[in-house]
PDB file of N, CA and C in Angstrom:
ATOM      1  N   MET A   1       0.628   0.376  -6.496  1.00  0.00           N
ATOM      2  CA  MET A   1       0.410  -0.766  -5.262  1.00  0.00           C
ATOM      3  C   MET A   1      -0.890   0.321  -4.324  1.00  0.00           C
ATOM      4  N   PHE A   2      -1.788  -1.176  -4.270  1.00  0.00           N
ATOM      5  CA  PHE A   2      -2.247  -0.556  -3.595  1.00  0.00           C
ATOM      6  C   PHE A   2      -2.653  -1.290  -1.825  1.00  0.00           C
ATOM      7  N   ARG A   3      -2.754  -0.572  -1.115  1.00  0.00           N
ATOM      8  CA  ARG A   3      -2.927  -0.712   0.666  1.00  0.00           C
ATOM      9  C   ARG A   3      -0.806  -1.022   0.440  1.00  0.00           C
ATOM     10  N   VAL A   4       0.076  -0.904   1.497  1.00  0.00           N
ATOM     11  CA  VAL A   4       1.150  -0.349   1.517  1.00  0.00           C
ATOM     12  C   VAL A   4       1.993  -1.523   2.813  1.00  0.00           C
ATOM     13  N   THR A   5       2.057  -2.479   2.723  1.00  0.00           N
ATOM     14  CA  THR A   5       1.579  -3.177   4.188  1.00  0.00           C
ATOM     15  C   THR A   5       3.855  -4.110   4.444  1.00  0.00           C
ATOM     16  N   ASN A   6       3.913  -3.406   4.381  1.00  0.00           N
ATOM     17  CA  ASN A   6       5.535  -3.938   4.549  1.00  0.00           C
ATOM     18  C   ASN A   6       6.831  -2.589   3.419  1.00  0.00           C
ATOM     19  N   PRO A   7       6.785  -1.521   3.658  1.00  0.00           N
ATOM     20  CA  PRO A   7       7.546  -0.585   3.088  1.00  0.00           C
ATOM     21  C   PRO A   7       8.513  -0.169   3.241  1.00  0.00           C
ATOM     22  N   ASN A   8       9.250  -0.394   4.220  1.00  0.00           N
ATOM     23  CA  ASN A   8      10.757  -1.103   4.185  1.00  0.00           C
ATOM     24  C   ASN A   8      10.712  -2.265   3.595  1.00  0.00           C
ATOM     25  N   PRO A   9      12.189  -2.267   3.605  1.00  0.00           N
ATOM     26  CA  PRO A   9      13.304  -3.687   3.418  1.00  0.00           C
ATOM     27  C   PRO A   9      13.151  -4.876   4.469  1.00  0.00           C
ATOM     28  N   VAL A  10      12.927  -5.895   4.491  1.00  0.00           N
ATOM     29  CA  VAL A  10      12.731  -7.126   4.988  1.00  0.00           C
ATOM     30  C   VAL A  10      14.342  -7.073   5.874  1.00  0.00           C
ATOM     31  N   VAL A  11      15.213  -6.725   4.999  1.00  0.00           N
ATOM     32  CA  VAL A  11      16.895  -6.929   5.754  1.00  0.00           C
ATOM     33  C   VAL A  11      16.489  -5.363   5.683  1.00  0.00           C
ATOM     34  N   PRO A  12      17.150  -5.737   7.456  1.00  0.00           N
ATOM     35  CA  PRO A  12      17.391  -3.802   7.070  1.00  0.00           C
ATOM     36  C   PRO A  12      18.537  -3.562   6.799  1.00  0.00           C
ATOM     37  N   GLY A  13      18.332  -1.690   6.094  1.00  0.00           N
ATOM     38  CA  GLY A  13      19.591  -2.085   5.095  1.00  0.00           C
ATOM     39  C   GLY A  13      19.630  -1.923   4.108  1.00  0.00           C
ATOM     40  N   THR A  14      19.169  -2.807   3.325  1.00  0.00           N
ATOM     41  CA  THR A  14      19.124  -3.242   2.080  1.00  0.00           C
ATOM     42  C   THR A  14      18.718  -2.278   1.669  1.00  0.00           C
ATOM     43  N   PRO A  15      19.248  -1.927   0.095  1.00  0.00           N
ATOM     44  CA  PRO A  15      19.099  -0.687  -0.756  1.00  0.00           C
ATOM     45  C   PRO A  15      18.046  -0.310  -1.636  1.00  0.00           C
ATOM     46  N   CYS A  16      16.730   0.441  -2.098  1.00  0.00           N
ATOM     47  CA  CYS A  16      15.759   0.206  -2.490  1.00  0.00           C
ATOM     48  C   CYS A  16      16.496  -0.209  -4.141  1.00  0.00           C
ATOM     49  N   ASN A  17      15.595  -0.780  -4.170  1.00  0.00           N
ATOM     50  CA  ASN A  17      16.006  -1.381  -6.538  1.00  0.00           C
ATOM     51  C   ASN A  17      14.931  -0.982  -7.189  1.00  0.00           C
ATOM     52  N   ILE A  18      14.052  -0.263  -6.244  1.00  0.00           N
ATOM     53  CA  ILE A  18      12.526  -0.264  -7.848  1.00  0.00           C
ATOM     54  C   ILE A  18      13.372   0.611  -8.812  1.00  0.00           C
ATOM     55  N   LYS A  19      13.417  -0.241 -10.002  1.00  0.00           N
ATOM     56  CA  LYS A  19      13.617   1.241 -11.248  1.00  0.00           C
ATOM     57  C   LYS A  19      12.433   1.590 -11.702  1.00  0.00           C
ATOM     58  N   GLY A  20      11.228   1.281 -11.483  1.00  0.00           N
ATOM     59  CA  GLY A  20       9.765   2.196 -12.392  1.00  0.00           C
ATOM     60  C   GLY A  20       9.239   3.105 -11.224  1.00  0.00           C
ATOM     61  N   LYS A  21       8.938   3.679 -12.024  1.00  0.00           N
ATOM     62  CA  LYS A  21       7.411   4.643 -11.272  1.00  0.00           C
ATOM     63  C   LYS A  21       6.647   4.413 -10.875  1.00  0.00           C
ATOM     64  N   VAL A  22       6.722   5.071  -9.062  1.00  0.00           N
ATOM     65  CA  VAL A  22       5.529   4.562  -8.001  1.00  0.00           C
ATOM     66  C   VAL A  22       4.688   5.381  -7.720  1.00  0.00           C
ATOM     67  N   LEU A  23       3.343   4.525  -7.249  1.00  0.00           N
ATOM     68  CA  LEU A  23       1.834   5.189  -7.170  1.00  0.00           C
ATOM     69  C   LEU A  23       1.192   4.224  -5.861  1.00  0.00           C
ATOM     70  N   ALA A  24       1.593   4.940  -4.523  1.00  0.00           N
ATOM     71  CA  ALA A  24       0.812   4.048  -3.504  1.00  0.00           C
ATOM     72  C   ALA A  24      -0.535   4.368  -3.316  1.00  0.00           C
ATOM     73  N   LEU A  25      -1.663   4.085  -2.933  1.00  0.00           N
ATOM     74  CA  LEU A  25      -2.513   4.541  -2.512  1.00  0.00           C
ATOM     75  C   LEU A  25      -3.292   3.763  -1.495  1.00  0.00           C
ATOM     76  N   HIS A  26      -3.314   4.766  -0.526  1.00  0.00           N
ATOM     77  CA  HIS A  26      -3.574   4.013   0.735  1.00  0.00           C
ATOM     78  C   HIS A  26      -4.489   4.802   2.077  1.00  0.00           C
ATOM     79  N   GLY A  27      -4.813   3.957   2.879  1.00  0.00           N
ATOM     80  CA  GLY A  27      -5.836   5.058   3.963  1.00  0.00           C
ATOM     81  C   GLY A  27      -5.175   4.980   4.946  1.00  0.00           C
ATOM     82  N   SER A  28      -5.456   6.163   5.623  1.00  0.00           N
ATOM     83  CA  SER A  28      -4.949   7.123   6.685  1.00  0.00           C
ATOM     84  C   SER A  28      -4.818   6.530   8.101  1.00  0.00           C
ATOM     85  N   ALA A  29      -6.335   5.753   7.633  1.00  0.00           N
ATOM     86  CA  ALA A  29      -6.744   4.773   9.024  1.00  0.00           C
ATOM     87  C   ALA A  29      -6.585   3.085   9.289  1.00  0.00           C
ATOM     88  N   ASP A  30      -5.529   2.753   7.782  1.00  0.00           N
ATOM     89  CA  ASP A  30      -4.947   1.235   7.855  1.00  0.00           C
ATOM     90  C   ASP A  30      -4.698   1.361   9.143  1.00  0.00           C
ATOM     91  N   PRO A  31      -4.911  -0.191  10.008  1.00  0.00           N
ATOM     92  CA  PRO A  31      -3.619  -0.272  10.860  1.00  0.00           C
ATOM     93  C   PRO A  31      -2.893  -0.774  10.927  1.00  0.00           C
ATOM     94  N   VAL A  32      -2.638  -1.716   9.547  1.00  0.00           N
ATOM     95  CA  VAL A  32      -1.294  -2.733   9.393  1.00  0.00           C
ATOM     96  C   VAL A  32       0.189  -1.350   8.859  1.00  0.00           C
ATOM     97  N   THR A  33      -0.109  -0.789   8.197  1.00  0.00           N
ATOM     98  CA  THR A  33       1.046   0.193   7.906  1.00  0.00           C
ATOM     99  C   THR A  33       0.444   1.747   8.625  1.00  0.00           C
ATOM    100  N   PRO A  34       0.520   1.861   9.453  1.00  0.00           N
ATOM    101  CA  PRO A  34       0.362   3.837   9.936  1.00  0.00           C
ATOM    102  C   PRO A  34       1.556   4.790   9.252  1.00  0.00           C
ATOM    103  N   LYS A  35       1.176   6.025   9.611  1.00  0.00           N
ATOM    104  CA  LYS A  35       1.654   7.075   9.043  1.00  0.00           C
ATOM    105  C   LYS A  35       2.905   7.354   8.732  1.00  0.00           C
ATOM    106  N   PRO A  36       3.848   6.340  10.654  1.00  0.00           N
ATOM    107  CA  PRO A  36       5.230   6.796  10.587  1.00  0.00           C
ATOM    108  C   PRO A  36       6.405   5.358   9.302  1.00  0.00           C
ATOM    109  N   MET A  37       5.237   4.598   9.381  1.00  0.00           N
ATOM    110  CA  MET A  37       5.955   3.967   8.474  1.00  0.00           C
ATOM    111  C   MET A  37       5.882   4.162   6.475  1.00  0.00           C
ATOM    112  N   MET A  38       4.578   4.842   6.484  1.00  0.00           N
ATOM    113  CA  MET A  38       4.617   5.677   5.312  1.00  0.00           C
ATOM    114  C   MET A  38       5.510   6.593   5.267  1.00  0.00           C
ATOM    115  N   ASP A  39       5.981   7.191   5.879  1.00  0.00           N
ATOM    116  CA  ASP A  39       6.554   8.396   5.989  1.00  0.00           C
ATOM    117  C   ASP A  39       8.418   7.215   5.900  1.00  0.00           C
ATOM    118  N   ALA A  40       8.567   6.142   6.405  1.00  0.00           N
ATOM    119  CA  ALA A  40       9.926   5.645   6.099  1.00  0.00           C
ATOM    120  C   ALA A  40       9.720   5.523   4.214  1.00  0.00           C
ATOM    121  N   PHE A  41       8.943   4.670   4.324  1.00  0.00           N
ATOM    122  CA  PHE A  41       8.659   4.240   2.970  1.00  0.00           C
ATOM    123  C   PHE A  41       8.896   5.394   1.638  1.00  0.00           C
ATOM    124  N   GLU A  42       8.458   6.916   2.041  1.00  0.00           N
ATOM    125  CA  GLU A  42       8.501   8.004   0.852  1.00  0.00           C
ATOM    126  C   GLU A  42       9.782   8.066   1.190  1.00  0.00           C
ATOM    127  N   GLU A  43      10.325   8.087   2.428  1.00  0.00           N
ATOM    128  CA  GLU A  43      12.039   8.751   2.914  1.00  0.00           C
ATOM    129  C   GLU A  43      12.697   7.356   2.015  1.00  0.00           C
ATOM    130  N   GLU A  44      12.678   5.554   2.083  1.00  0.00           N
ATOM    131  CA  GLU A  44      13.400   4.652   1.117  1.00  0.00           C
ATOM    132  C   GLU A  44      13.062   5.502  -0.364  1.00  0.00           C
ATOM    133  N   LEU A  45      12.226   5.604  -0.785  1.00  0.00           N
ATOM    134  CA  LEU A  45      12.078   6.104  -2.096  1.00  0.00           C
ATOM    135  C   LEU A  45      12.469   7.324  -2.774  1.00  0.00           C
ATOM    136  N   THR A  46      12.675   8.104  -1.988  1.00  0.00           N
ATOM    137  CA  THR A  46      13.076   9.266  -2.723  1.00  0.00           C
ATOM    138  C   THR A  46      14.516   9.521  -2.412  1.00  0.00           C
ATOM    139  N   LYS A  47      15.430   8.729  -1.541  1.00  0.00           N
ATOM    140  CA  LYS A  47      16.903   8.280  -1.333  1.00  0.00           C
ATOM    141  C   LYS A  47      17.267   7.363  -2.420  1.00  0.00           C
ATOM    142  N   ALA A  48      16.499   6.747  -2.672  1.00  0.00           N
ATOM    143  CA  ALA A  48      16.455   5.551  -4.536  1.00  0.00           C
ATOM    144  C   ALA A  48      16.732   6.584  -5.606  1.00  0.00           C
ATOM    145  N   ASN A  49      16.138   7.730  -5.558  1.00  0.00           N
ATOM    146  CA  ASN A  49      15.275   8.336  -6.545  1.00  0.00           C
ATOM    147  C   ASN A  49      14.458   8.004  -7.130  1.00  0.00           C
ATOM    148  N   VAL A  50      13.751   6.866  -6.923  1.00  0.00           N
ATOM    149  CA  VAL A  50      12.910   6.944  -7.456  1.00  0.00           C
ATOM    150  C   VAL A  50      11.670   7.749  -7.356  1.00  0.00           C
ATOM    151  N   GLU A  51      10.968   7.888  -9.135  1.00  0.00           N
ATOM    152  CA  GLU A  51       9.788   8.747  -8.905  1.00  0.00           C
ATOM    153  C   GLU A  51       8.693   8.191  -8.450  1.00  0.00           C
ATOM    154  N   TRP A  52       7.814   8.759  -7.292  1.00  0.00           N
ATOM    155  CA  TRP A  52       7.219   8.273  -6.490  1.00  0.00           C
ATOM    156  C   TRP A  52       5.901   8.931  -6.536  1.00  0.00           C
ATOM    157  N   GLN A  53       4.171   8.692  -6.074  1.00  0.00           N
ATOM    158  CA  GLN A  53       3.191   9.854  -5.199  1.00  0.00           C
ATOM    159  C   GLN A  53       2.483   8.531  -4.493  1.00  0.00           C
ATOM    160  N   VAL A  54       2.317   9.497  -3.916  1.00  0.00           N
ATOM    161  CA  VAL A  54       1.471   8.910  -2.411  1.00  0.00           C
ATOM    162  C   VAL A  54       0.048   9.023  -2.414  1.00  0.00           C
ATOM    163  N   MET A  55      -0.572   8.477  -2.792  1.00  0.00           N
ATOM    164  CA  MET A  55      -2.271   9.473  -2.314  1.00  0.00           C
ATOM    165  C   MET A  55      -2.926   8.572  -1.153  1.00  0.00           C
ATOM    166  N   MET A  56      -3.096   9.205  -0.193  1.00  0.00           N
ATOM    167  CA  MET A  56      -3.087   9.331   1.351  1.00  0.00           C
ATOM    168  C   MET A  56      -4.967   9.287   1.285  1.00  0.00           C
ATOM    169  N   PHE A  57      -5.908   9.033   1.625  1.00  0.00           N
ATOM    170  CA  PHE A  57      -6.928   8.392   1.644  1.00  0.00           C
ATOM    171  C   PHE A  57      -6.868   9.037   3.130  1.00  0.00           C
ATOM    172  N   GLY A  58      -7.782  10.043   3.502  1.00  0.00           N
ATOM    173  CA  GLY A  58      -7.640  10.359   5.048  1.00  0.00           C
ATOM    174  C   GLY A  58     -10.007   9.861   5.321  1.00  0.00           C
ATOM    175  N   GLY A  59      -9.428   9.030   7.146  1.00  0.00           N
ATOM    176  CA  GLY A  59      -9.383   8.638   7.562  1.00  0.00           C
ATOM    177  C   GLY A  59     -10.297   6.995   7.449  1.00  0.00           C
ATOM    178  N   ALA A  60      -9.796   6.495   6.032  1.00  0.00           N
ATOM    179  CA  ALA A  60      -9.713   5.565   5.418  1.00  0.00           C
ATOM    180  C   ALA A  60      -8.734   4.004   5.963  1.00  0.00           C
ATOM    181  N   GLY A  61      -9.730   3.030   5.687  1.00  0.00           N
ATOM    182  CA  GLY A  61      -8.862   2.102   6.480  1.00  0.00           C
ATOM    183  C   GLY A  61      -8.518   0.844   4.656  1.00  0.00           C
ATOM    184  N   PRO A  62      -8.793  -0.175   4.659  1.00  0.00           N
ATOM    185  CA  PRO A  62      -8.882  -1.064   3.425  1.00  0.00           C
ATOM    186  C   PRO A  62      -9.933  -0.377   3.413  1.00  0.00           C
ATOM    187  N   PHE A  63      -9.602  -0.825   1.917  1.00  0.00           N
ATOM    188  CA  PHE A  63     -10.463  -0.440   1.074  1.00  0.00           C
ATOM    189  C   PHE A  63     -11.512  -1.304  -0.205  1.00  0.00           C
ATOM    190  N   LEU A  64     -10.185  -2.112  -0.711  1.00  0.00           N
ATOM    191  CA  LEU A  64      -9.997  -2.474  -1.861  1.00  0.00           C
ATOM    192  C   LEU A  64     -10.649  -3.900  -2.275  1.00  0.00           C
ATOM    193  N   LEU A  65     -10.761  -4.260  -3.553  1.00  0.00           N
ATOM    194  CA  LEU A  65     -11.882  -5.324  -3.675  1.00  0.00           C
ATOM    195  C   LEU A  65     -10.822  -6.362  -3.760  1.00  0.00           C
ATOM    196  N   ARG A  66     -10.914  -7.951  -3.611  1.00  0.00           N
ATOM    197  CA  ARG A  66     -10.039  -8.847  -4.502  1.00  0.00           C
ATOM    198  C   ARG A  66     -10.571  -8.575  -5.494  1.00  0.00           C
ATOM    199  N   PRO A  67      -9.485  -9.874  -6.529  1.00  0.00           N
ATOM    200  CA  PRO A  67      -9.682  -9.507  -8.521  1.00  0.00           C
ATOM    201  C   PRO A  67     -11.013 -10.523  -8.763  1.00  0.00           C
ATOM    202  N   ASP A  68     -11.678 -10.741  -7.610  1.00  0.00           N
ATOM    203  CA  ASP A  68     -12.749 -11.591  -8.056  1.00  0.00           C
ATOM    204  C   ASP A  68     -14.024 -10.781  -7.347  1.00  0.00           C
ATOM    205  N   GLY A  69     -13.987  -9.718  -6.926  1.00  0.00           N
ATOM    206  CA  GLY A  69     -14.898  -9.064  -6.596  1.00  0.00           C
ATOM    207  C   GLY A  69     -14.991  -8.872  -5.430  1.00  0.00           C
ATOM    208  N   ARG A  70     -14.940  -9.829  -4.691  1.00  0.00           N
ATOM    209  CA  ARG A  70     -15.104 -10.166  -2.896  1.00  0.00           C
ATOM    210  C   ARG A  70     -14.303  -9.264  -2.090  1.00  0.00           C
ATOM    211  N   ARG A  71     -15.151  -8.649  -1.386  1.00  0.00           N
ATOM    212  CA  ARG A  71     -14.064  -7.770  -0.177  1.00  0.00           C
ATOM    213  C   ARG A  71     -13.122  -8.187   0.719  1.00  0.00           C
ATOM    214  N   TRP A  72     -12.295  -7.354   0.450  1.00  0.00           N
ATOM    215  CA  TRP A  72     -10.899  -8.169   1.457  1.00  0.00           C
ATOM    216  C   TRP A  72     -11.735  -7.298   3.190  1.00  0.00           C
ATOM    217  N   THR A  73     -12.383  -6.174   3.561  1.00  0.00           N
ATOM    218  CA  THR A  73     -12.279  -6.042   4.471  1.00  0.00           C
ATOM    219  C   THR A  73     -13.871  -5.833   4.987  1.00  0.00           C
ATOM    220  N   THR A  74     -13.959  -5.473   6.063  1.00  0.00           N
ATOM    221  CA  THR A  74     -15.411  -5.664   6.634  1.00  0.00           C
ATOM    222  C   THR A  74     -15.376  -4.064   6.292  1.00  0.00           C
ATOM    223  N   ARG A  75     -14.877  -3.516   6.228  1.00  0.00           N
ATOM    224  CA  ARG A  75     -14.806  -1.620   5.941  1.00  0.00           C
ATOM    225  C   ARG A  75     -14.680  -1.179   4.817  1.00  0.00           C
ATOM    226  N   TYR A  76     -15.021  -2.457   4.163  1.00  0.00           N
ATOM    227  CA  TYR A  76     -15.400  -2.053   2.157  1.00  0.00           C
ATOM    228  C   TYR A  76     -15.767  -0.683   2.200  1.00  0.00           C
ATOM    229  N   ASP A  77     -15.195   0.300   0.801  1.00  0.00           N
ATOM    230  CA  ASP A  77     -15.397   1.699   0.970  1.00  0.00           C
ATOM    231  C   ASP A  77     -15.845   2.157  -0.617  1.00  0.00           C
ATOM    232  N   GLU A  78     -16.778   1.458  -1.130  1.00  0.00           N
ATOM    233  CA  GLU A  78     -17.075   1.286  -2.546  1.00  0.00           C
ATOM    234  C   GLU A  78     -16.667   2.590  -3.370  1.00  0.00           C
ATOM    235  N   LYS A  79     -17.003   4.173  -2.961  1.00  0.00           N
ATOM    236  CA  LYS A  79     -16.040   4.950  -3.288  1.00  0.00           C
ATOM    237  C   LYS A  79     -15.402   5.310  -3.521  1.00  0.00           C
ATOM    238  N   LEU A  80     -14.178   5.034  -2.137  1.00  0.00           N
ATOM    239  CA  LEU A  80     -12.535   4.622  -2.055  1.00  0.00           C
ATOM    240  C   LEU A  80     -12.271   3.910  -2.950  1.00  0.00           C
ATOM    241  N   CYS A  81     -12.991   3.096  -2.946  1.00  0.00           N
ATOM    242  CA  CYS A  81     -12.501   1.254  -4.427  1.00  0.00           C
ATOM    243  C   CYS A  81     -12.706   2.078  -6.001  1.00  0.00           C
ATOM    244  N   ARG A  82     -14.042   2.315  -5.874  1.00  0.00           N
ATOM    245  CA  ARG A  82     -13.652   3.306  -7.602  1.00  0.00           C
ATOM    246  C   ARG A  82     -12.872   4.457  -7.382  1.00  0.00           C
ATOM    247  N   LYS A  83     -12.730   5.014  -6.736  1.00  0.00           N
ATOM    248  CA  LYS A  83     -11.642   6.083  -7.169  1.00  0.00           C
ATOM    249  C   LYS A  83      -9.670   5.560  -7.463  1.00  0.00           C
ATOM    250  N   SER A  84      -9.364   5.116  -6.107  1.00  0.00           N
ATOM    251  CA  SER A  84      -8.863   4.132  -6.597  1.00  0.00           C
ATOM    252  C   SER A  84      -8.100   3.779  -7.755  1.00  0.00           C
ATOM    253  N   TYR A  85      -8.760   3.084  -8.042  1.00  0.00           N
ATOM    254  CA  TYR A  85      -8.773   2.517  -9.342  1.00  0.00           C
ATOM    255  C   TYR A  85      -8.936   3.433 -10.573  1.00  0.00           C
ATOM    256  N   MET A  86      -9.902   4.671 -10.868  1.00  0.00           N
ATOM    257  CA  MET A  86      -9.601   5.468 -11.286  1.00  0.00           C
ATOM    258  C   MET A  86      -7.759   6.229 -11.465  1.00  0.00           C
ATOM    259  N   LEU A  87      -7.815   6.016 -10.525  1.00  0.00           N
ATOM    260  CA  LEU A  87      -6.202   6.372 -10.318  1.00  0.00           C
ATOM    261  C   LEU A  87      -5.362   5.464 -10.711  1.00  0.00           C
ATOM    262  N   MET A  88      -5.192   4.252 -10.444  1.00  0.00           N
ATOM    263  CA  MET A  88      -4.672   3.686 -10.812  1.00  0.00           C
ATOM    264  C   MET A  88      -4.520   3.547 -12.363  1.00  0.00           C
ATOM    265  N   ARG A  89      -5.915   3.185 -12.913  1.00  0.00           N
ATOM    266  CA  ARG A  89      -5.599   3.308 -14.261  1.00  0.00           C
ATOM    267  C   ARG A  89      -5.481   5.068 -15.215  1.00  0.00           C
ATOM    268  N   ASP A  90      -5.254   5.865 -14.673  1.00  0.00           N
ATOM    269  CA  ASP A  90      -4.234   7.141 -15.067  1.00  0.00           C
ATOM    270  C   ASP A  90      -2.639   6.607 -15.040  1.00  0.00           C
ATOM    271  N   PHE A  91      -2.670   6.606 -13.716  1.00  0.00           N
ATOM    272  CA  PHE A  91      -0.872   5.938 -14.054  1.00  0.00           C
ATOM    273  C   PHE A  91      -0.685   5.178 -14.603  1.00  0.00           C
ATOM    274  N   PHE A  92      -1.266   3.876 -15.417  1.00  0.00           N
ATOM    275  CA  PHE A  92      -0.612   3.182 -16.371  1.00  0.00           C
ATOM    276  C   PHE A  92      -0.774   4.247 -17.435  1.00  0.00           C
ATOM    277  N   ALA A  93      -2.219   4.284 -17.760  1.00  0.00           N
ATOM    278  CA  ALA A  93      -1.751   5.230 -18.906  1.00  0.00           C
ATOM    279  C   ALA A  93      -0.977   6.044 -19.171  1.00  0.00           C
ATOM    280  N   GLU A  94       0.135   6.870 -17.850  1.00  0.00           N
ATOM    281  CA  GLU A  94       0.896   7.856 -17.878  1.00  0.00           C
ATOM    282  C   GLU A  94       2.520   7.394 -18.538  1.00  0.00           C
ATOM    283  N   THR A  95       2.147   5.893 -17.588  1.00  0.00           N
ATOM    284  CA  THR A  95       3.245   5.705 -17.526  1.00  0.00           C
ATOM    285  C   THR A  95       3.604   4.183 -17.970  1.00  0.00           C
ATOM    286  N   LEU A  96       2.741   3.301 -19.018  1.00  0.00           N
ATOM    287  CA  LEU A  96       3.251   2.262 -19.925  1.00  0.00           C
ATOM    288  C   LEU A  96       2.932   2.651 -21.077  1.00  0.00           C
TER     289      LEU A  96
END
């Protein structure tokens, strides 16, 4: 998953029903999902016994491209975008 935007259940108290492994790639300065929300996300996955990994990019805001190659944000960071896609491909190679 890229750019975690709603890590907690939409309906409070709803149990996490994720069955697979999770890789979350996220910028620490992303204003949509600050650190406390990411902490809650990690706690939720842990309680559900999900195998998870979060890669937090320090000081980064949103930095990803849309599928058509255009930027999602004016704070686009090409280096972080390349690194995140490399991590995603490695995760898929190990998981799928």
